[in-house]
Amino acid sequence: MSTVEPFAGEFTPEQMALRESVRGFLASPGYSWARLTGELGLTALAVGEEHGGFGATAVEAGIALEEAGAALLSAPLLSTTAAILALDPASDLLPGLAEGTSIGALALGGTVEARPTAQGTVLDGRVHHVLDGDAADLLLVECDGDLFATDAAVVQPVPTVDTTRSQATVILTAAPARLVAPAGAAHGLAVMYALLAAESVGVARAALQSTVDHLRTRRQFGVPLASFQALRHRVADLYVLLEQATSTARYALRAYGTAEFALAAPLAKLSATEAAWTVTRESIQLLGGIGFTWEHSAHRYLKRATANHLLFGDPPTLRRLLLARAFT
């Protein structure tokens, strides 16, 4: 059994260097949001240079999120990156998001109404399961297919199975807002699909790597567990599942900005989150007794995979969506 590593042939030397930089940074103790955005500049990756970013693409953002998933990063990187990619590339909100002084989150799928007033548009309603909603100071809220920006919501953190990342209920009561992405909610949801897929690939890869390391070092009957054919077959099946998910997730990110993204993104979310959920469940079994302990990280990876699996549509919902879009 070899090391579980992503295929390097599809990446440029610069993208491989980015992966190694993010991986090394997240492996070091004492990292913070300020260091993540200041020293490494991960929130600036997919922002144009004219707004203080690096002018990279969604592919580079996905590379960073794969490594964030592998490290079970609890900082609001995914939510802020989703807000960046959901906005127009010329938006005046991008500089703050790029430098990390503003934390963004997408509030999608709620029940929200927009009302015109003498002072401007206000929003009323409620949105559940907003990733990092309690950390965000800029919310992009879906209303009638549009995205409105507001910083005047009441946010209530809610407990979830995944204790490594927060979710919140966003309550809007005459909250001042402005339209930032007309008809942009569907694109924002596709962005969230693609980024959750990238992160889930990282979650699955780390869980499988931990399992492989255990099987290679743990001995029974005088030989490593990795020498037993039945276990090797189970790991091989998981590796194939992970490779399929990886290919689908990366294809979706390469399709960002094209008409194909609307179909590729939910397909990637379906494939990658199902793979992560399967891999993390099987990993606990393959780890044996240690996999069931609180001291081992296996349960944390399973919980992140479970949350990603259910967020923004479970598998039956995504399959119905894909079927509908495939014939339109």
Protein backbone atom coordinates (compact mmCIF):
# COMPACT_ATOMS: atom_id res chain seq x y z
CA MET A 1 0.00 0.00 0.00
CA SER A 2 1.47 3.32 -1.05
CA THR A 3 0.93 6.85 0.17
CA VAL A 4 -2.49 8.26 -0.69
CA GLU A 5 -1.58 11.35 -2.70
CA PRO A 6 -3.44 13.29 -5.40
CA PHE A 7 -2.27 12.78 -8.95
CA ALA A 8 0.30 15.49 -9.67
CA GLY A 9 0.34 15.30 -13.46
CA GLU A 10 -2.67 17.57 -13.93
CA PHE A 11 -1.15 20.45 -11.95
CA THR A 12 1.41 23.08 -12.84
CA PRO A 13 4.56 23.47 -10.71
CA GLU A 14 3.02 26.62 -9.24
CA GLN A 15 -0.13 24.75 -8.22
CA MET A 16 1.90 21.95 -6.66
CA ALA A 17 3.91 24.55 -4.74
CA LEU A 18 0.65 26.08 -3.51
CA ARG A 19 -0.52 22.68 -2.26
CA GLU A 20 2.72 22.07 -0.39
CA SER A 21 2.66 25.56 1.12
CA VAL A 22 -0.91 25.19 2.39
CA ARG A 23 -0.27 21.68 3.67
CA GLY A 24 2.86 22.72 5.54
CA PHE A 25 1.17 25.79 6.98
CA LEU A 26 -1.83 23.85 8.29
CA ALA A 27 0.45 21.19 9.78
CA SER A 28 2.23 23.80 11.87
CA PRO A 29 0.90 24.78 15.31
CA GLY A 30 -0.47 28.18 16.10
CA TYR A 31 -1.97 29.20 12.79
CA SER A 32 -4.74 31.81 12.90
CA TRP A 33 -7.15 33.53 10.55
CA ALA A 34 -4.84 36.55 10.44
CA ARG A 35 -1.89 34.37 9.43
CA LEU A 36 -4.03 32.33 7.02
CA THR A 37 -5.13 35.44 5.16
CA GLY A 38 -2.09 37.64 5.73
CA GLU A 39 0.93 35.36 5.37
CA LEU A 40 -0.60 32.80 3.03
CA GLY A 41 -3.26 34.97 1.38
CA LEU A 42 -5.68 32.11 0.78
CA THR A 43 -8.74 34.36 0.61
CA ALA A 44 -7.02 36.42 -2.09
CA LEU A 45 -6.38 33.50 -4.43
CA ALA A 46 -9.41 33.85 -6.71
CA VAL A 47 -9.68 37.64 -6.48
CA GLY A 48 -8.44 39.82 -9.33
CA GLU A 49 -5.23 41.79 -8.88
CA GLU A 50 -7.15 45.04 -9.27
CA HIS A 51 -8.92 44.20 -6.00
CA GLY A 52 -5.81 43.18 -4.09
CA GLY A 53 -5.90 39.50 -5.01
CA PHE A 54 -3.59 37.12 -6.82
CA GLY A 55 -5.72 36.71 -9.94
CA ALA A 56 -5.78 32.91 -9.68
CA THR A 57 -8.74 30.69 -10.56
CA ALA A 58 -11.26 28.46 -8.83
CA VAL A 59 -8.82 25.58 -9.35
CA GLU A 60 -6.28 27.16 -7.00
CA ALA A 61 -9.04 27.89 -4.49
CA GLY A 62 -10.03 24.23 -4.70
CA ILE A 63 -6.45 23.10 -4.04
CA ALA A 64 -6.40 25.17 -0.86
CA LEU A 65 -9.76 23.77 0.24
CA GLU A 66 -8.65 20.18 -0.36
CA GLU A 67 -5.82 20.75 2.08
CA ALA A 68 -8.14 22.58 4.46
CA GLY A 69 -10.45 19.57 4.42
CA ALA A 70 -7.55 17.21 5.07
CA ALA A 71 -6.61 19.31 8.11
CA LEU A 72 -10.24 19.74 9.25
CA LEU A 73 -9.71 23.49 9.23
CA SER A 74 -12.22 25.24 11.44
CA ALA A 75 -11.56 28.76 10.09
CA PRO A 76 -14.16 30.29 7.69
CA LEU A 77 -12.10 29.73 4.53
CA LEU A 78 -14.73 27.79 2.58
CA SER A 79 -17.53 30.24 3.35
CA THR A 80 -15.45 33.30 2.49
CA THR A 81 -14.16 31.70 -0.72
CA ALA A 82 -17.75 30.83 -1.67
CA ALA A 83 -18.79 34.45 -1.15
CA ILE A 84 -15.90 35.63 -3.33
CA LEU A 85 -16.71 33.27 -6.20
CA ALA A 86 -20.43 34.06 -5.98
CA LEU A 87 -19.83 37.78 -6.49
CA ASP A 88 -19.22 39.63 -9.71
CA PRO A 89 -15.45 39.91 -10.37
CA ALA A 90 -15.83 43.71 -10.30
CA SER A 91 -17.68 43.86 -6.96
CA ASP A 92 -16.51 46.48 -4.49
CA LEU A 93 -16.89 43.90 -1.71
CA LEU A 94 -13.93 41.86 -2.93
CA PRO A 95 -11.00 43.87 -1.45
CA GLY A 96 -12.14 43.31 2.13
CA LEU A 97 -12.79 39.62 1.51
CA ALA A 98 -9.43 39.22 -0.22
CA GLU A 99 -7.41 40.66 2.63
CA GLY A 100 -9.40 38.78 5.25
CA THR A 101 -10.65 41.83 7.12
CA SER A 102 -14.16 40.84 6.04
CA ILE A 103 -15.50 37.31 6.50
CA GLY A 104 -18.20 36.26 4.10
CA ALA A 105 -20.92 33.61 4.14
CA LEU A 106 -23.67 32.52 1.78
CA ALA A 107 -27.16 32.37 3.29
CA LEU A 108 -29.03 30.26 0.77
CA GLY A 109 -32.33 28.47 0.65
CA GLY A 110 -34.18 30.34 3.36
CA THR A 111 -37.49 32.17 3.42
CA VAL A 112 -36.60 35.81 2.83
CA GLU A 113 -38.55 38.77 1.47
CA ALA A 114 -37.18 42.08 0.21
CA ARG A 115 -39.06 45.32 0.91
CA PRO A 116 -38.33 48.76 -0.54
CA THR A 117 -38.24 51.61 1.97
CA ALA A 118 -37.35 55.28 1.82
CA GLN A 119 -33.85 54.41 3.00
CA GLY A 120 -33.41 51.50 0.60
CA THR A 121 -34.09 47.76 0.50
CA VAL A 122 -34.59 45.79 3.70
CA LEU A 123 -34.81 42.03 4.18
CA ASP A 124 -37.13 40.00 6.42
CA GLY A 125 -36.92 36.28 6.95
CA ARG A 126 -34.83 33.41 8.19
CA VAL A 127 -32.11 31.15 6.74
CA HIS A 128 -30.97 27.92 8.40
CA HIS A 129 -27.65 26.05 8.22
CA VAL A 130 -25.47 28.98 7.21
CA LEU A 131 -21.86 27.83 7.27
CA ASP A 132 -19.75 30.08 9.52
CA GLY A 133 -22.69 32.43 9.83
CA ASP A 134 -21.70 33.34 13.38
CA ALA A 135 -18.21 34.37 12.24
CA ALA A 136 -19.28 36.31 9.13
CA ASP A 137 -19.64 40.07 9.02
CA LEU A 138 -20.86 40.00 5.42
CA LEU A 139 -23.81 37.82 4.50
CA LEU A 140 -24.90 37.20 0.92
CA VAL A 141 -28.57 36.36 1.32
CA GLU A 142 -30.74 34.66 -1.29
CA CYS A 143 -34.06 36.36 -2.03
CA ASP A 144 -36.17 35.60 -5.11
CA GLY A 145 -33.14 34.22 -6.93
CA ASP A 146 -30.99 37.29 -6.24
CA LEU A 147 -28.16 37.78 -3.75
CA PHE A 148 -28.30 40.71 -1.34
CA ALA A 149 -25.43 41.80 0.90
CA THR A 150 -26.16 42.69 4.51
CA ASP A 151 -24.32 42.99 7.79
CA ALA A 152 -27.38 43.64 9.93
CA ALA A 153 -28.69 40.14 10.63
CA VAL A 154 -29.21 38.47 13.99
CA VAL A 155 -27.16 35.26 14.00
CA GLN A 156 -27.88 32.30 16.26
CA PRO A 157 -25.20 29.56 16.35
CA VAL A 158 -26.69 26.07 16.26
CA PRO A 159 -25.07 22.80 17.37
CA THR A 160 -24.40 20.22 14.66
CA VAL A 161 -22.77 16.82 14.44
CA ASP A 162 -19.60 18.48 13.10
CA THR A 163 -17.99 20.29 16.02
CA THR A 164 -15.05 21.43 13.88
CA ARG A 165 -17.11 23.98 11.95
CA SER A 166 -19.99 26.20 12.97
CA GLN A 167 -23.40 26.63 11.44
CA ALA A 168 -25.95 29.27 12.30
CA THR A 169 -29.51 30.42 11.78
CA VAL A 170 -29.68 33.90 10.28
CA ILE A 171 -32.66 36.05 11.27
CA LEU A 172 -33.42 39.15 9.24
CA THR A 173 -35.79 41.81 10.56
CA ALA A 174 -35.90 44.93 8.41
CA ALA A 175 -32.20 44.37 7.76
CA PRO A 176 -30.73 46.99 5.39
CA ALA A 177 -29.33 45.31 2.30
CA ARG A 178 -28.24 45.98 -1.23
CA LEU A 179 -28.49 43.90 -4.36
CA VAL A 180 -25.04 42.59 -5.32
CA ALA A 181 -25.78 39.70 -7.67
CA PRO A 182 -29.01 39.80 -9.69
CA ALA A 183 -30.17 36.23 -10.40
CA GLY A 184 -26.99 35.11 -8.64
CA ALA A 185 -28.41 32.65 -6.12
CA ALA A 186 -28.24 29.65 -8.46
CA HIS A 187 -24.61 30.43 -9.25
CA GLY A 188 -23.88 30.85 -5.55
CA LEU A 189 -25.35 27.45 -4.82
CA ALA A 190 -23.27 25.88 -7.60
CA VAL A 191 -20.17 27.48 -6.09
CA MET A 192 -21.01 25.98 -2.72
CA TYR A 193 -21.49 22.56 -4.33
CA ALA A 194 -18.07 22.72 -5.99
CA LEU A 195 -16.22 23.95 -2.90
CA LEU A 196 -17.83 21.38 -0.62
CA ALA A 197 -16.77 18.75 -3.15
CA ALA A 198 -13.15 19.95 -3.07
CA GLU A 199 -13.08 20.01 0.71
CA SER A 200 -14.67 16.55 0.91
CA VAL A 201 -11.94 15.13 -1.32
CA GLY A 202 -9.40 16.36 1.23
CA VAL A 203 -11.40 14.86 4.09
CA ALA A 204 -11.56 11.48 2.36
CA ARG A 205 -7.87 11.52 1.41
CA ALA A 206 -6.73 12.27 4.97
CA ALA A 207 -9.00 9.59 6.44
CA LEU A 208 -7.80 7.00 3.95
CA GLN A 209 -4.15 7.96 4.52
CA SER A 210 -4.58 7.48 8.25
CA THR A 211 -6.09 4.06 7.61
CA VAL A 212 -3.28 3.01 5.25
CA ASP A 213 -0.66 4.13 7.78
CA HIS A 214 -2.36 2.06 10.48
CA LEU A 215 -2.58 -1.06 8.32
CA ARG A 216 1.07 -0.77 7.35
CA THR A 217 2.32 -0.47 10.93
CA ARG A 218 -0.14 -2.55 12.97
CA ARG A 219 0.91 -6.21 13.13
CA GLN A 220 -1.11 -9.34 13.74
CA PHE A 221 0.09 -12.93 13.61
CA GLY A 222 3.56 -11.52 13.15
CA VAL A 223 2.83 -9.62 9.91
CA PRO A 224 1.44 -6.16 9.06
CA LEU A 225 -2.31 -5.93 8.61
CA ALA A 226 -1.61 -4.52 5.16
CA SER A 227 -0.46 -7.96 4.05
CA PHE A 228 -3.97 -9.44 4.39
CA GLN A 229 -5.62 -9.59 1.00
CA ALA A 230 -9.15 -8.93 2.26
CA LEU A 231 -8.05 -5.64 3.82
CA ARG A 232 -6.05 -4.69 0.75
CA HIS A 233 -9.14 -5.19 -1.43
CA ARG A 234 -11.25 -2.99 0.84
CA VAL A 235 -8.67 -0.20 0.77
CA ALA A 236 -8.31 -0.52 -3.01
CA ASP A 237 -12.06 -0.07 -3.44
CA LEU A 238 -11.96 3.05 -1.28
CA TYR A 239 -9.03 4.42 -3.25
CA VAL A 240 -10.90 3.96 -6.55
CA LEU A 241 -13.92 5.73 -5.06
CA LEU A 242 -11.69 8.59 -3.92
CA GLU A 243 -10.05 8.93 -7.34
CA GLN A 244 -13.43 9.09 -9.05
CA ALA A 245 -14.56 11.81 -6.65
CA THR A 246 -11.30 13.71 -7.06
CA SER A 247 -11.60 13.78 -10.84
CA THR A 248 -15.21 14.96 -10.67
CA ALA A 249 -14.49 17.69 -8.12
CA ARG A 250 -11.53 19.07 -10.03
CA TYR A 251 -13.41 19.00 -13.31
CA ALA A 252 -16.17 21.10 -11.75
CA LEU A 253 -13.67 23.73 -10.62
CA ARG A 254 -12.13 23.85 -14.09
CA ALA A 255 -15.63 24.39 -15.49
CA TYR A 256 -16.19 27.45 -13.28
CA GLY A 257 -17.22 30.38 -15.42
CA THR A 258 -18.68 28.20 -18.18
CA ALA A 259 -22.22 27.03 -18.87
CA GLU A 260 -21.17 23.51 -17.87
CA PHE A 261 -20.53 24.57 -14.28
CA ALA A 262 -24.24 24.43 -13.41
CA LEU A 263 -24.25 20.68 -14.12
CA ALA A 264 -20.68 19.80 -13.10
CA ALA A 265 -20.92 21.39 -9.65
CA PRO A 266 -23.85 19.36 -8.21
CA LEU A 267 -22.40 16.21 -9.79
CA ALA A 268 -19.11 16.90 -8.01
CA LYS A 269 -20.89 17.52 -4.72
CA LEU A 270 -22.81 14.26 -5.03
CA SER A 271 -19.74 12.21 -5.97
CA ALA A 272 -17.26 13.73 -3.51
CA THR A 273 -19.48 13.89 -0.44
CA GLU A 274 -20.72 10.34 -0.94
CA ALA A 275 -17.11 9.19 -1.34
CA ALA A 276 -16.02 11.03 1.81
CA TRP A 277 -18.92 9.63 3.79
CA THR A 278 -18.14 6.08 2.64
CA VAL A 279 -14.38 6.37 3.15
CA THR A 280 -14.65 7.83 6.65
CA ARG A 281 -17.16 5.19 7.75
CA GLU A 282 -15.05 2.36 6.36
CA SER A 283 -11.90 3.87 7.86
CA ILE A 284 -13.32 3.56 11.37
CA GLN A 285 -13.97 -0.13 10.71
CA LEU A 286 -10.52 -0.73 9.22
CA LEU A 287 -8.79 1.02 12.12
CA GLY A 288 -10.25 -1.52 14.53
CA GLY A 289 -10.68 -0.65 18.20
CA ILE A 290 -8.70 2.58 18.02
CA GLY A 291 -11.08 3.93 15.39
CA PHE A 292 -13.89 4.04 17.94
CA THR A 293 -12.00 6.12 20.50
CA TRP A 294 -12.35 9.86 21.11
CA GLU A 295 -8.57 10.19 21.06
CA HIS A 296 -8.31 9.21 17.40
CA SER A 297 -9.32 11.75 14.74
CA ALA A 298 -11.40 9.25 12.74
CA HIS A 299 -14.71 10.34 14.26
CA ARG A 300 -13.98 13.98 13.46
CA TYR A 301 -13.47 13.17 9.79
CA LEU A 302 -16.67 11.12 9.77
CA LYS A 303 -18.61 14.03 11.28
CA ARG A 304 -17.26 16.56 8.75
CA ALA A 305 -18.06 14.12 5.93
CA THR A 306 -21.56 13.57 7.29
CA ALA A 307 -22.27 17.30 7.49
CA ASN A 308 -20.96 17.91 3.96
CA HIS A 309 -22.99 14.94 2.73
CA LEU A 310 -26.24 16.53 3.88
CA LEU A 311 -25.62 20.25 3.39
CA PHE A 312 -27.44 21.94 0.49
CA GLY A 313 -29.18 18.78 -0.62
CA ASP A 314 -28.89 15.09 0.22
CA PRO A 315 -28.03 12.54 -2.54
CA PRO A 316 -31.64 11.91 -3.69
CA THR A 317 -32.20 15.66 -4.03
CA LEU A 318 -29.02 16.10 -6.04
CA ARG A 319 -29.83 13.16 -8.29
CA ARG A 320 -33.22 14.65 -9.12
CA LEU A 321 -31.56 17.98 -9.82
CA LEU A 322 -28.98 16.38 -12.10
CA LEU A 323 -31.62 14.44 -13.96
CA ALA A 324 -33.63 17.59 -14.58
CA ARG A 325 -30.60 19.60 -15.76
CA ALA A 326 -29.26 16.83 -17.96
CA PHE A 327 -32.30 17.07 -20.21
CA THR A 328 -32.60 20.86 -20.42
